[in-house]
Amino acid sequence: MNIWIAIGVTAVGCYAVKLAGLLVPAGVLERPLVRRLAALMPVALLAALTAQQTFADGRALVLDARTAGLAAAAVALVLRAPFLLVVAAAVVVTAGVRALGG
């Protein structure tokens, strides 16, 4: 039963956040600070999610094949490679390190 309570609370919370977003006056959304924050927030959240998924395993810091793949992607980005090449580099390096036993 606890899981259904959690699902219900989550659903109500999501609806409340969406409703709050609709109730914000348009003038607030046009402020330069709000526009900058809205533009940067997805990037910050994606970076945090990437770091958490790459370096964390429960409560421990992990340096494994995922770290090597992320490093390869970072190098490809610094070299201004196209996005698909960045992803391919990360995949190939991660798979290679895992195949070598890392």
C-alpha atoms as a PDB file:
ATOM      1  CA  MET A   1       0.000   0.000   0.000  1.00  0.00           C
ATOM      2  CA  ASN A   2       2.901   2.369   0.685  1.00  0.00           C
ATOM      3  CA  ILE A   3       3.933   2.282  -2.970  1.00  0.00           C
ATOM      4  CA  TRP A   4       0.492   3.525  -4.063  1.00  0.00           C
ATOM      5  CA  ILE A   5       0.678   6.367  -1.570  1.00  0.00           C
ATOM      6  CA  ALA A   6       4.083   7.340  -2.975  1.00  0.00           C
ATOM      7  CA  ILE A   7       2.732   7.174  -6.533  1.00  0.00           C
ATOM      8  CA  GLY A   8      -0.268   9.308  -5.585  1.00  0.00           C
ATOM      9  CA  VAL A   9       1.854  11.910  -3.785  1.00  0.00           C
ATOM     10  CA  THR A  10       4.238  12.047  -6.748  1.00  0.00           C
ATOM     11  CA  ALA A  11       1.368  12.504  -9.209  1.00  0.00           C
ATOM     12  CA  VAL A  12      -0.170  15.292  -7.139  1.00  0.00           C
ATOM     13  CA  GLY A  13       3.253  16.933  -6.752  1.00  0.00           C
ATOM     14  CA  CYS A  14       3.907  16.836 -10.511  1.00  0.00           C
ATOM     15  CA  TYR A  15       0.499  18.324 -11.211  1.00  0.00           C
ATOM     16  CA  ALA A  16       1.085  21.059  -8.627  1.00  0.00           C
ATOM     17  CA  VAL A  17       4.452  21.989 -10.158  1.00  0.00           C
ATOM     18  CA  LYS A  18       2.928  22.162 -13.646  1.00  0.00           C
ATOM     19  CA  LEU A  19       0.039  24.261 -12.350  1.00  0.00           C
ATOM     20  CA  ALA A  20       2.439  26.606 -10.552  1.00  0.00           C
ATOM     21  CA  GLY A  21       4.343  27.049 -13.818  1.00  0.00           C
ATOM     22  CA  LEU A  22       1.152  28.049 -15.605  1.00  0.00           C
ATOM     23  CA  LEU A  23       0.229  30.535 -12.893  1.00  0.00           C
ATOM     24  CA  VAL A  24       3.514  32.487 -13.095  1.00  0.00           C
ATOM     25  CA  PRO A  25       2.858  35.922 -14.632  1.00  0.00           C
ATOM     26  CA  ALA A  26       4.366  36.480 -18.081  1.00  0.00           C
ATOM     27  CA  GLY A  27       6.299  39.524 -16.829  1.00  0.00           C
ATOM     28  CA  VAL A  28       8.309  37.341 -14.466  1.00  0.00           C
ATOM     29  CA  LEU A  29       9.279  34.999 -17.299  1.00  0.00           C
ATOM     30  CA  GLU A  30      10.580  37.889 -19.422  1.00  0.00           C
ATOM     31  CA  ARG A  31      13.191  39.004 -16.860  1.00  0.00           C
ATOM     32  CA  PRO A  32      16.782  38.505 -18.092  1.00  0.00           C
ATOM     33  CA  LEU A  33      17.841  36.540 -15.006  1.00  0.00           C
ATOM     34  CA  VAL A  34      14.934  34.128 -15.334  1.00  0.00           C
ATOM     35  CA  ARG A  35      15.649  33.643 -19.038  1.00  0.00           C
ATOM     36  CA  ARG A  36      19.327  32.899 -18.343  1.00  0.00           C
ATOM     37  CA  LEU A  37      18.425  30.449 -15.588  1.00  0.00           C
ATOM     38  CA  ALA A  38      15.875  28.731 -17.808  1.00  0.00           C
ATOM     39  CA  ALA A  39      18.494  28.344 -20.532  1.00  0.00           C
ATOM     40  CA  LEU A  40      21.194  26.992 -18.205  1.00  0.00           C
ATOM     41  CA  MET A  41      19.102  24.738 -15.955  1.00  0.00           C
ATOM     42  CA  PRO A  42      18.773  21.789 -18.382  1.00  0.00           C
ATOM     43  CA  VAL A  43      22.533  21.811 -19.007  1.00  0.00           C
ATOM     44  CA  ALA A  44      23.293  21.820 -15.279  1.00  0.00           C
ATOM     45  CA  LEU A  45      20.805  19.040 -14.579  1.00  0.00           C
ATOM     46  CA  LEU A  46      22.147  16.895 -17.415  1.00  0.00           C
ATOM     47  CA  ALA A  47      25.729  17.419 -16.221  1.00  0.00           C
ATOM     48  CA  ALA A  48      24.773  16.449 -12.673  1.00  0.00           C
ATOM     49  CA  LEU A  49      22.954  13.344 -13.887  1.00  0.00           C
ATOM     50  CA  THR A  50      25.915  12.356 -16.063  1.00  0.00           C
ATOM     51  CA  ALA A  51      28.353  12.787 -13.181  1.00  0.00           C
ATOM     52  CA  GLN A  52      26.149  10.814 -10.794  1.00  0.00           C
ATOM     53  CA  GLN A  53      25.661   7.957 -13.243  1.00  0.00           C
ATOM     54  CA  THR A  54      29.362   7.879 -14.185  1.00  0.00           C
ATOM     55  CA  PHE A  55      31.126   8.225 -10.855  1.00  0.00           C
ATOM     56  CA  ALA A  56      28.688   6.906  -8.232  1.00  0.00           C
ATOM     57  CA  ASP A  57      27.681   3.441  -7.183  1.00  0.00           C
ATOM     58  CA  GLY A  58      25.497   3.732  -4.129  1.00  0.00           C
ATOM     59  CA  ARG A  59      27.646   5.634  -1.650  1.00  0.00           C
ATOM     60  CA  ALA A  60      31.043   4.903  -3.211  1.00  0.00           C
ATOM     61  CA  LEU A  61      33.105   6.687  -5.842  1.00  0.00           C
ATOM     62  CA  VAL A  62      33.694   4.443  -8.851  1.00  0.00           C
ATOM     63  CA  LEU A  63      36.305   4.875 -11.560  1.00  0.00           C
ATOM     64  CA  ASP A  64      35.695   2.250 -14.241  1.00  0.00           C
ATOM     65  CA  ALA A  65      34.990   1.939 -17.968  1.00  0.00           C
ATOM     66  CA  ARG A  66      32.318   4.626 -17.787  1.00  0.00           C
ATOM     67  CA  THR A  67      34.945   7.126 -16.656  1.00  0.00           C
ATOM     68  CA  ALA A  68      37.144   6.273 -19.634  1.00  0.00           C
ATOM     69  CA  GLY A  69      34.185   6.681 -21.984  1.00  0.00           C
ATOM     70  CA  LEU A  70      33.313  10.054 -20.492  1.00  0.00           C
ATOM     71  CA  ALA A  71      36.937  11.158 -20.841  1.00  0.00           C
ATOM     72  CA  ALA A  72      36.920  10.103 -24.502  1.00  0.00           C
ATOM     73  CA  ALA A  73      33.725  12.069 -25.080  1.00  0.00           C
ATOM     74  CA  ALA A  74      35.262  15.109 -23.385  1.00  0.00           C
ATOM     75  CA  VAL A  75      38.334  14.903 -25.627  1.00  0.00           C
ATOM     76  CA  ALA A  76      36.119  14.599 -28.704  1.00  0.00           C
ATOM     77  CA  LEU A  77      34.161  17.650 -27.570  1.00  0.00           C
ATOM     78  CA  VAL A  78      37.340  19.666 -27.042  1.00  0.00           C
ATOM     79  CA  LEU A  79      38.382  18.715 -30.574  1.00  0.00           C
ATOM     80  CA  ARG A  80      34.980  19.974 -31.783  1.00  0.00           C
ATOM     81  CA  ALA A  81      33.861  16.628 -33.181  1.00  0.00           C
ATOM     82  CA  PRO A  82      30.250  16.231 -34.353  1.00  0.00           C
ATOM     83  CA  PHE A  83      27.821  14.974 -31.736  1.00  0.00           C
ATOM     84  CA  LEU A  84      27.444  11.486 -33.216  1.00  0.00           C
ATOM     85  CA  LEU A  85      31.224  11.088 -33.246  1.00  0.00           C
ATOM     86  CA  VAL A  86      31.376  12.156 -29.596  1.00  0.00           C
ATOM     87  CA  VAL A  87      28.811   9.513 -28.663  1.00  0.00           C
ATOM     88  CA  ALA A  88      30.556   6.900 -30.815  1.00  0.00           C
ATOM     89  CA  ALA A  89      33.911   7.642 -29.181  1.00  0.00           C
ATOM     90  CA  ALA A  90      32.404   7.235 -25.730  1.00  0.00           C
ATOM     91  CA  VAL A  91      30.731   3.972 -26.682  1.00  0.00           C
ATOM     92  CA  VAL A  92      33.826   2.499 -28.344  1.00  0.00           C
ATOM     93  CA  VAL A  93      36.174   3.438 -25.507  1.00  0.00           C
ATOM     94  CA  THR A  94      33.759   2.188 -22.825  1.00  0.00           C
ATOM     95  CA  ALA A  95      33.256  -1.109 -24.658  1.00  0.00           C
ATOM     96  CA  GLY A  96      36.998  -1.465 -25.234  1.00  0.00           C
ATOM     97  CA  VAL A  97      37.862  -0.929 -21.595  1.00  0.00           C
ATOM     98  CA  ARG A  98      35.171  -3.386 -20.521  1.00  0.00           C
ATOM     99  CA  ALA A  99      36.422  -5.952 -23.049  1.00  0.00           C
ATOM    100  CA  LEU A 100      39.929  -5.607 -21.635  1.00  0.00           C
ATOM    101  CA  GLY A 101      38.558  -6.399 -18.191  1.00  0.00           C
ATOM    102  CA  GLY A 102      38.218  -2.928 -16.706  1.00  0.00           C
END
